[in-house]
C-alpha atoms as a PDB file:
ATOM      1  CA  MET A   1      42.594  26.469  31.184  1.00  0.00           C
ATOM      2  CA  THR A   2      39.038  26.185  33.047  1.00  0.00           C
ATOM      3  CA  SER A   3      37.169  23.474  33.695  1.00  0.00           C
ATOM      4  CA  SER A   4      34.564  23.103  30.791  1.00  0.00           C
ATOM      5  CA  ILE A   5      37.111  23.268  28.787  1.00  0.00           C
ATOM      6  CA  ARG A   6      39.117  20.571  30.367  1.00  0.00           C
ATOM      7  CA  ARG A   7      36.052  18.325  30.414  1.00  0.00           C
ATOM      8  CA  ALA A   8      35.689  19.469  26.805  1.00  0.00           C
ATOM      9  CA  LEU A   9      38.427  17.871  25.846  1.00  0.00           C
ATOM     10  CA  ARG A  10      38.478  14.920  27.244  1.00  0.00           C
ATOM     11  CA  GLN A  11      35.132  14.425  26.187  1.00  0.00           C
ATOM     12  CA  TRP A  12      35.975  14.844  22.944  1.00  0.00           C
ATOM     13  CA  PRO A  13      37.395  11.639  21.039  1.00  0.00           C
ATOM     14  CA  LEU A  14      34.197   9.893  22.499  1.00  0.00           C
ATOM     15  CA  CYS A  15      32.512  12.246  20.611  1.00  0.00           C
ATOM     16  CA  CYS A  16      34.536  11.235  17.468  1.00  0.00           C
ATOM     17  CA  ALA A  17      34.424   7.873  17.600  1.00  0.00           C
ATOM     18  CA  LEU A  18      30.720   7.954  17.861  1.00  0.00           C
ATOM     19  CA  ALA A  19      30.821  10.273  14.824  1.00  0.00           C
ATOM     20  CA  THR A  20      33.268   8.154  13.092  1.00  0.00           C
ATOM     21  CA  LEU A  21      31.135   5.045  13.969  1.00  0.00           C
ATOM     22  CA  SER A  22      27.524   6.765  12.640  1.00  0.00           C
ATOM     23  CA  MET A  23      29.359   7.411   9.092  1.00  0.00           C
ATOM     24  CA  ALA A  24      30.744   4.657   9.241  1.00  0.00           C
ATOM     25  CA  VAL A  25      26.756   2.275   9.824  1.00  0.00           C
ATOM     26  CA  PRO A  26      25.222   2.918   6.315  1.00  0.00           C
ATOM     27  CA  VAL A  27      21.197   3.763   6.301  1.00  0.00           C
ATOM     28  CA  GLN A  28      19.748   0.204   5.074  1.00  0.00           C
ATOM     29  CA  ALA A  29      17.535   1.019   1.232  1.00  0.00           C
ATOM     30  CA  ALA A  30      14.309  -0.189   0.907  1.00  0.00           C
ATOM     31  CA  GLN A  31      14.964  -3.129  -1.274  1.00  0.00           C
ATOM     32  CA  PRO A  32      12.219  -5.030  -3.823  1.00  0.00           C
ATOM     33  CA  ILE A  33      10.405  -7.334  -2.913  1.00  0.00           C
ATOM     34  CA  GLU A  34       8.907 -10.758  -5.155  1.00  0.00           C
ATOM     35  CA  ALA A  35       6.055 -11.853  -5.314  1.00  0.00           C
ATOM     36  CA  GLY A  36       4.334 -14.773  -7.732  1.00  0.00           C
ATOM     37  CA  GLY A  37       6.984 -14.108  -9.928  1.00  0.00           C
ATOM     38  CA  VAL A  38       6.351 -10.256  -9.766  1.00  0.00           C
ATOM     39  CA  SER A  39       9.411  -7.658  -8.930  1.00  0.00           C
ATOM     40  CA  PHE A  40       7.944  -4.838  -6.890  1.00  0.00           C
ATOM     41  CA  ALA A  41      10.212  -2.145  -7.193  1.00  0.00           C
ATOM     42  CA  PRO A  42      11.413  -0.641  -3.608  1.00  0.00           C
ATOM     43  CA  THR A  43       9.996   3.086  -4.082  1.00  0.00           C
ATOM     44  CA  GLN A  44       6.985   4.682  -6.721  1.00  0.00           C
ATOM     45  CA  SER A  45       7.209   8.423  -7.207  1.00  0.00           C
ATOM     46  CA  VAL A  46       3.222   9.529  -6.452  1.00  0.00           C
ATOM     47  CA  GLN A  47       2.642  12.952  -7.537  1.00  0.00           C
ATOM     48  CA  GLN A  48       6.382  14.094  -6.954  1.00  0.00           C
ATOM     49  CA  THR A  49       5.924  12.171  -3.670  1.00  0.00           C
ATOM     50  CA  ALA A  50       8.527   9.187  -2.902  1.00  0.00           C
ATOM     51  CA  LEU A  51       6.989   6.013  -1.590  1.00  0.00           C
ATOM     52  CA  VAL A  52       8.594   3.201   0.066  1.00  0.00           C
ATOM     53  CA  LEU A  53       7.590  -0.489  -0.389  1.00  0.00           C
ATOM     54  CA  ASN A  54       5.756  -1.548   3.067  1.00  0.00           C
ATOM     55  CA  GLY A  55       4.904  -5.230   1.658  1.00  0.00           C
ATOM     56  CA  ALA A  56       4.724  -7.638  -0.919  1.00  0.00           C
ATOM     57  CA  GLY A  57       2.730 -10.752  -2.020  1.00  0.00           C
ATOM     58  CA  VAL A  58       0.343 -13.002  -3.541  1.00  0.00           C
ATOM     59  CA  ARG A  59      -4.062 -12.831  -3.309  1.00  0.00           C
ATOM     60  CA  TYR A  60      -4.697 -17.059  -3.906  1.00  0.00           C
ATOM     61  CA  LYS A  61      -8.054 -18.528  -4.122  1.00  0.00           C
ATOM     62  CA  THR A  62      -8.213 -21.757  -3.606  1.00  0.00           C
ATOM     63  CA  VAL A  63      -4.510 -23.370  -5.015  1.00  0.00           C
ATOM     64  CA  PHE A  64      -4.747 -20.843  -7.848  1.00  0.00           C
ATOM     65  CA  LYS A  65      -2.911 -17.446  -7.891  1.00  0.00           C
ATOM     66  CA  VAL A  66      -4.877 -14.786  -8.974  1.00  0.00           C
ATOM     67  CA  TYR A  67      -2.711 -11.367  -8.261  1.00  0.00           C
ATOM     68  CA  ALA A  68       0.232  -9.825  -6.667  1.00  0.00           C
ATOM     69  CA  ALA A  69       0.184  -6.524  -4.379  1.00  0.00           C
ATOM     70  CA  GLY A  70       2.106  -4.315  -2.849  1.00  0.00           C
ATOM     71  CA  LEU A  71       1.693  -1.436  -0.752  1.00  0.00           C
ATOM     72  CA  TYR A  72       3.714   1.806  -0.934  1.00  0.00           C
ATOM     73  CA  LEU A  73       3.748   4.207   2.271  1.00  0.00           C
ATOM     74  CA  GLU A  74       5.450   7.008   3.141  1.00  0.00           C
ATOM     75  CA  LYS A  75       6.610   5.938   6.526  1.00  0.00           C
ATOM     76  CA  PRO A  76       6.950   1.831   7.175  1.00  0.00           C
ATOM     77  CA  ALA A  77       3.849   0.906   9.078  1.00  0.00           C
ATOM     78  CA  ARG A  78       3.070  -2.021  10.709  1.00  0.00           C
ATOM     79  CA  THR A  79      -0.578  -2.651  11.764  1.00  0.00           C
ATOM     80  CA  PRO A  80      -3.338  -1.865   9.809  1.00  0.00           C
ATOM     81  CA  ALA A  81      -3.950   1.150  12.412  1.00  0.00           C
ATOM     82  CA  GLU A  82      -1.153   2.522  11.395  1.00  0.00           C
ATOM     83  CA  VAL A  83      -2.143   2.301   8.128  1.00  0.00           C
ATOM     84  CA  LEU A  84      -5.265   3.892   7.583  1.00  0.00           C
ATOM     85  CA  THR A  85      -3.910   6.382   9.919  1.00  0.00           C
ATOM     86  CA  GLN A  86      -1.035   7.608   8.738  1.00  0.00           C
ATOM     87  CA  PRO A  87      -1.177  10.920   6.379  1.00  0.00           C
ATOM     88  CA  GLY A  88       0.163  11.186   3.032  1.00  0.00           C
ATOM     89  CA  LYS A  89      -0.036   9.797  -0.190  1.00  0.00           C
ATOM     90  CA  LYS A  90      -0.380   6.133  -0.104  1.00  0.00           C
ATOM     91  CA  ARG A  91      -1.092   3.181  -3.527  1.00  0.00           C
ATOM     92  CA  MET A  92      -1.335  -0.245  -3.915  1.00  0.00           C
ATOM     93  CA  GLU A  93      -0.134  -1.530  -6.923  1.00  0.00           C
ATOM     94  CA  VAL A  94      -1.935  -4.549  -7.918  1.00  0.00           C
ATOM     95  CA  ARG A  95      -0.793  -6.633 -11.017  1.00  0.00           C
ATOM     96  CA  MET A  96      -2.532  -9.786 -12.263  1.00  0.00           C
ATOM     97  CA  LEU A  97      -1.339 -13.223 -12.609  1.00  0.00           C
ATOM     98  CA  ARG A  98      -4.375 -14.692 -14.624  1.00  0.00           C
ATOM     99  CA  GLU A  99      -6.696 -13.617 -16.699  1.00  0.00           C
ATOM    100  CA  ILE A 100     -10.145 -12.991 -14.555  1.00  0.00           C
ATOM    101  CA  ASP A 101     -13.376 -11.500 -15.527  1.00  0.00           C
ATOM    102  CA  SER A 102     -13.221  -7.680 -14.190  1.00  0.00           C
ATOM    103  CA  SER A 103     -16.827  -7.322 -13.754  1.00  0.00           C
ATOM    104  CA  GLU A 104     -16.501 -10.598 -10.747  1.00  0.00           C
ATOM    105  CA  LEU A 105     -13.515  -8.959  -9.430  1.00  0.00           C
ATOM    106  CA  GLY A 106     -15.373  -5.368  -9.285  1.00  0.00           C
ATOM    107  CA  LYS A 107     -17.952  -7.288  -6.822  1.00  0.00           C
ATOM    108  CA  LEU A 108     -15.241  -8.859  -4.645  1.00  0.00           C
ATOM    109  CA  PHE A 109     -13.810  -5.742  -4.133  1.00  0.00           C
ATOM    110  CA  ALA A 110     -17.196  -4.526  -3.482  1.00  0.00           C
ATOM    111  CA  ARG A 111     -17.952  -7.525  -1.014  1.00  0.00           C
ATOM    112  CA  GLY A 112     -14.558  -7.183   0.286  1.00  0.00           C
ATOM    113  CA  MET A 113     -15.330  -3.673   1.415  1.00  0.00           C
ATOM    114  CA  GLU A 114     -18.667  -4.467   2.913  1.00  0.00           C
ATOM    115  CA  ASP A 115     -17.657  -7.570   4.891  1.00  0.00           C
ATOM    116  CA  ASN A 116     -15.324  -5.012   6.477  1.00  0.00           C
ATOM    117  CA  MET A 117     -17.479  -2.583   7.973  1.00  0.00           C
ATOM    118  CA  ASP A 118     -21.212  -1.612   9.700  1.00  0.00           C
ATOM    119  CA  LYS A 119     -23.988  -1.560   7.610  1.00  0.00           C
ATOM    120  CA  ILE A 120     -24.488   2.162   7.923  1.00  0.00           C
ATOM    121  CA  ALA A 121     -20.921   3.453   6.976  1.00  0.00           C
ATOM    122  CA  PHE A 122     -20.900   1.558   4.039  1.00  0.00           C
ATOM    123  CA  SER A 123     -24.502   2.742   2.836  1.00  0.00           C
ATOM    124  CA  ARG A 124     -22.556   5.998   2.571  1.00  0.00           C
ATOM    125  CA  LEU A 125     -20.584   4.767   0.473  1.00  0.00           C
ATOM    126  CA  VAL A 126     -22.578   2.751  -2.140  1.00  0.00           C
ATOM    127  CA  PRO A 127     -22.501   5.243  -4.481  1.00  0.00           C
ATOM    128  CA  GLY A 128     -19.016   5.318  -4.988  1.00  0.00           C
ATOM    129  CA  VAL A 129     -18.671   1.231  -4.727  1.00  0.00           C
ATOM    130  CA  LEU A 130     -21.264   1.209  -7.551  1.00  0.00           C
ATOM    131  CA  ARG A 131     -19.222   3.626 -10.045  1.00  0.00           C
ATOM    132  CA  MET A 132     -16.254   1.242  -8.376  1.00  0.00           C
ATOM    133  CA  SER A 133     -17.587  -1.635  -9.911  1.00  0.00           C
ATOM    134  CA  GLN A 134     -19.074  -0.126 -13.104  1.00  0.00           C
ATOM    135  CA  ILE A 135     -14.976   0.721 -13.704  1.00  0.00           C
ATOM    136  CA  PHE A 136     -13.998  -2.537 -13.855  1.00  0.00           C
ATOM    137  CA  SER A 137     -17.220  -3.690 -15.323  1.00  0.00           C
ATOM    138  CA  ASP A 138     -15.881  -1.548 -18.452  1.00  0.00           C
ATOM    139  CA  HIS A 139     -12.590  -3.712 -18.639  1.00  0.00           C
ATOM    140  CA  LYS A 140     -14.924  -6.509 -19.459  1.00  0.00           C
ATOM    141  CA  LYS A 141     -11.865  -8.771 -18.479  1.00  0.00           C
ATOM    142  CA  LEU A 142      -8.249  -8.079 -17.271  1.00  0.00           C
ATOM    143  CA  ASP A 143      -5.417 -10.673 -18.617  1.00  0.00           C
ATOM    144  CA  THR A 144      -2.023 -11.605 -17.260  1.00  0.00           C
ATOM    145  CA  GLY A 145      -0.013  -8.863 -16.393  1.00  0.00           C
ATOM    146  CA  ASP A 146      -2.406  -5.858 -16.253  1.00  0.00           C
ATOM    147  CA  VAL A 147      -1.934  -3.717 -13.740  1.00  0.00           C
ATOM    148  CA  PHE A 148      -3.922  -1.553 -11.713  1.00  0.00           C
ATOM    149  CA  LEU A 149      -3.576   1.283  -9.079  1.00  0.00           C
ATOM    150  CA  ILE A 150      -5.122   2.533  -6.285  1.00  0.00           C
ATOM    151  CA  ASP A 151      -4.187   5.952  -5.506  1.00  0.00           C
ATOM    152  CA  TRP A 152      -4.850   7.789  -2.569  1.00  0.00           C
ATOM    153  CA  VAL A 153      -4.055  11.917  -2.410  1.00  0.00           C
ATOM    154  CA  PRO A 154      -4.874  14.368   0.272  1.00  0.00           C
ATOM    155  CA  GLY A 155      -6.852  17.153  -1.181  1.00  0.00           C
ATOM    156  CA  ALA A 156      -7.432  15.374  -4.429  1.00  0.00           C
ATOM    157  CA  GLY A 157      -9.136  12.182  -2.938  1.00  0.00           C
ATOM    158  CA  THR A 158      -8.965   7.881  -4.280  1.00  0.00           C
ATOM    159  CA  ILE A 159      -7.319   7.539  -7.717  1.00  0.00           C
ATOM    160  CA  ILE A 160      -8.081   4.123  -9.554  1.00  0.00           C
ATOM    161  CA  THR A 161      -5.610   3.750 -12.344  1.00  0.00           C
ATOM    162  CA  VAL A 162      -6.434   0.844 -15.085  1.00  0.00           C
ATOM    163  CA  ARG A 163      -3.167   0.077 -17.818  1.00  0.00           C
ATOM    164  CA  GLY A 164      -1.639   3.045 -17.147  1.00  0.00           C
ATOM    165  CA  LYS A 165      -5.427   5.117 -17.312  1.00  0.00           C
ATOM    166  CA  GLN A 166      -7.236   7.432 -14.916  1.00  0.00           C
ATOM    167  CA  GLN A 167     -10.533   6.038 -13.845  1.00  0.00           C
ATOM    168  CA  GLY A 168     -12.832   8.890 -14.699  1.00  0.00           C
ATOM    169  CA  GLU A 169     -12.520  12.033 -11.693  1.00  0.00           C
ATOM    170  CA  PRO A 170     -11.070  10.397  -7.879  1.00  0.00           C
ATOM    171  CA  PHE A 171     -13.637   9.568  -5.417  1.00  0.00           C
ATOM    172  CA  LYS A 172     -13.503  12.076  -3.236  1.00  0.00           C
ATOM    173  CA  GLU A 173     -15.063  11.082  -0.209  1.00  0.00           C
ATOM    174  CA  PRO A 174     -11.923  10.240   2.465  1.00  0.00           C
ATOM    175  CA  GLU A 175     -13.276   6.879   4.147  1.00  0.00           C
ATOM    176  CA  PHE A 176     -13.278   5.492   0.549  1.00  0.00           C
ATOM    177  CA  PHE A 177     -10.055   4.528   0.292  1.00  0.00           C
ATOM    178  CA  ASN A 178      -9.518   3.467   3.813  1.00  0.00           C
ATOM    179  CA  ALA A 179     -12.851   0.951   2.442  1.00  0.00           C
ATOM    180  CA  LEU A 180     -10.718  -0.784  -0.316  1.00  0.00           C
ATOM    181  CA  MET A 181      -7.546  -1.416   2.251  1.00  0.00           C
ATOM    182  CA  GLY A 182     -10.166  -2.981   4.195  1.00  0.00           C
ATOM    183  CA  ILE A 183     -10.616  -5.715   1.568  1.00  0.00           C
ATOM    184  CA  TRP A 184      -6.896  -6.677   1.827  1.00  0.00           C
ATOM    185  CA  LEU A 185      -6.359  -5.136   6.237  1.00  0.00           C
ATOM    186  CA  GLY A 186      -9.392  -5.652   7.348  1.00  0.00           C
ATOM    187  CA  SER A 187     -10.633  -7.814   9.937  1.00  0.00           C
ATOM    188  CA  GLN A 188     -12.078 -10.496   7.550  1.00  0.00           C
ATOM    189  CA  PRO A 189      -9.216  -9.732   4.543  1.00  0.00           C
ATOM    190  CA  ALA A 190      -9.482 -11.385   1.268  1.00  0.00           C
ATOM    191  CA  ASP A 191      -6.444 -13.464   2.355  1.00  0.00           C
ATOM    192  CA  TRP A 192      -4.768 -13.447   5.857  1.00  0.00           C
ATOM    193  CA  LYS A 193      -1.755 -14.483   4.246  1.00  0.00           C
ATOM    194  CA  LEU A 194      -1.748 -11.511   2.183  1.00  0.00           C
ATOM    195  CA  LYS A 195      -2.415  -9.053   4.652  1.00  0.00           C
ATOM    196  CA  ASP A 196       0.522  -9.949   6.484  1.00  0.00           C
ATOM    197  CA  ALA A 197       2.620  -9.856   3.765  1.00  0.00           C
ATOM    198  CA  LEU A 198       1.328  -5.988   2.774  1.00  0.00           C
ATOM    199  CA  LEU A 199       2.048  -5.186   6.553  1.00  0.00           C
ATOM    200  CA  GLY A 200       5.461  -6.740   6.032  1.00  0.00           C
ATOM    201  CA  LYS A 201       5.571  -9.540   8.203  1.00  0.00           C
ATOM    202  CA  VAL A 202       7.493 -12.639   6.793  1.00  0.00           C
ATOM    203  CA  ASP A 203       7.814 -15.566   8.313  1.00  0.00           C
END
């Protein structure tokens, strides 16, 4: 018997033990997250691509709950930079927790984008911002339980869906989706606790 064979036989029990251990430890599955009474599914599909729930939380204005939001990505991210630079599809799901004037919400989103960008970068996105504001104005109001989605699809752009219906053509500018994410993940987010929740940081 050669030395290489003897060495392999001596190592065989350890290899088997490690293999058995690896099979015995299950992979932790993504879990749903409850935020503001809304249960966000652990996974969602965006154009045949499975996305995993990165985090979810509630947007408060003073003491009132306005909406719950969940961020879905192809792989987990724990910093804004990781979210913005990660390739692949992404989704922000927003579910209203109270009735709100849609045009006012559109204005708040536009302001949130502007607050988290330099003036020159924001000026290049003004046509898209105006179109987005018009989308929300057209809906007059959003009721408790209404859902809108903001999807990033590489090669297509940013797709906004309100109450299950896509709102016009995608926003083609690659910067537009990241500018929208700045509302929640930027240096001046709409709600700091919501920012941490979307990044999967829990108390």
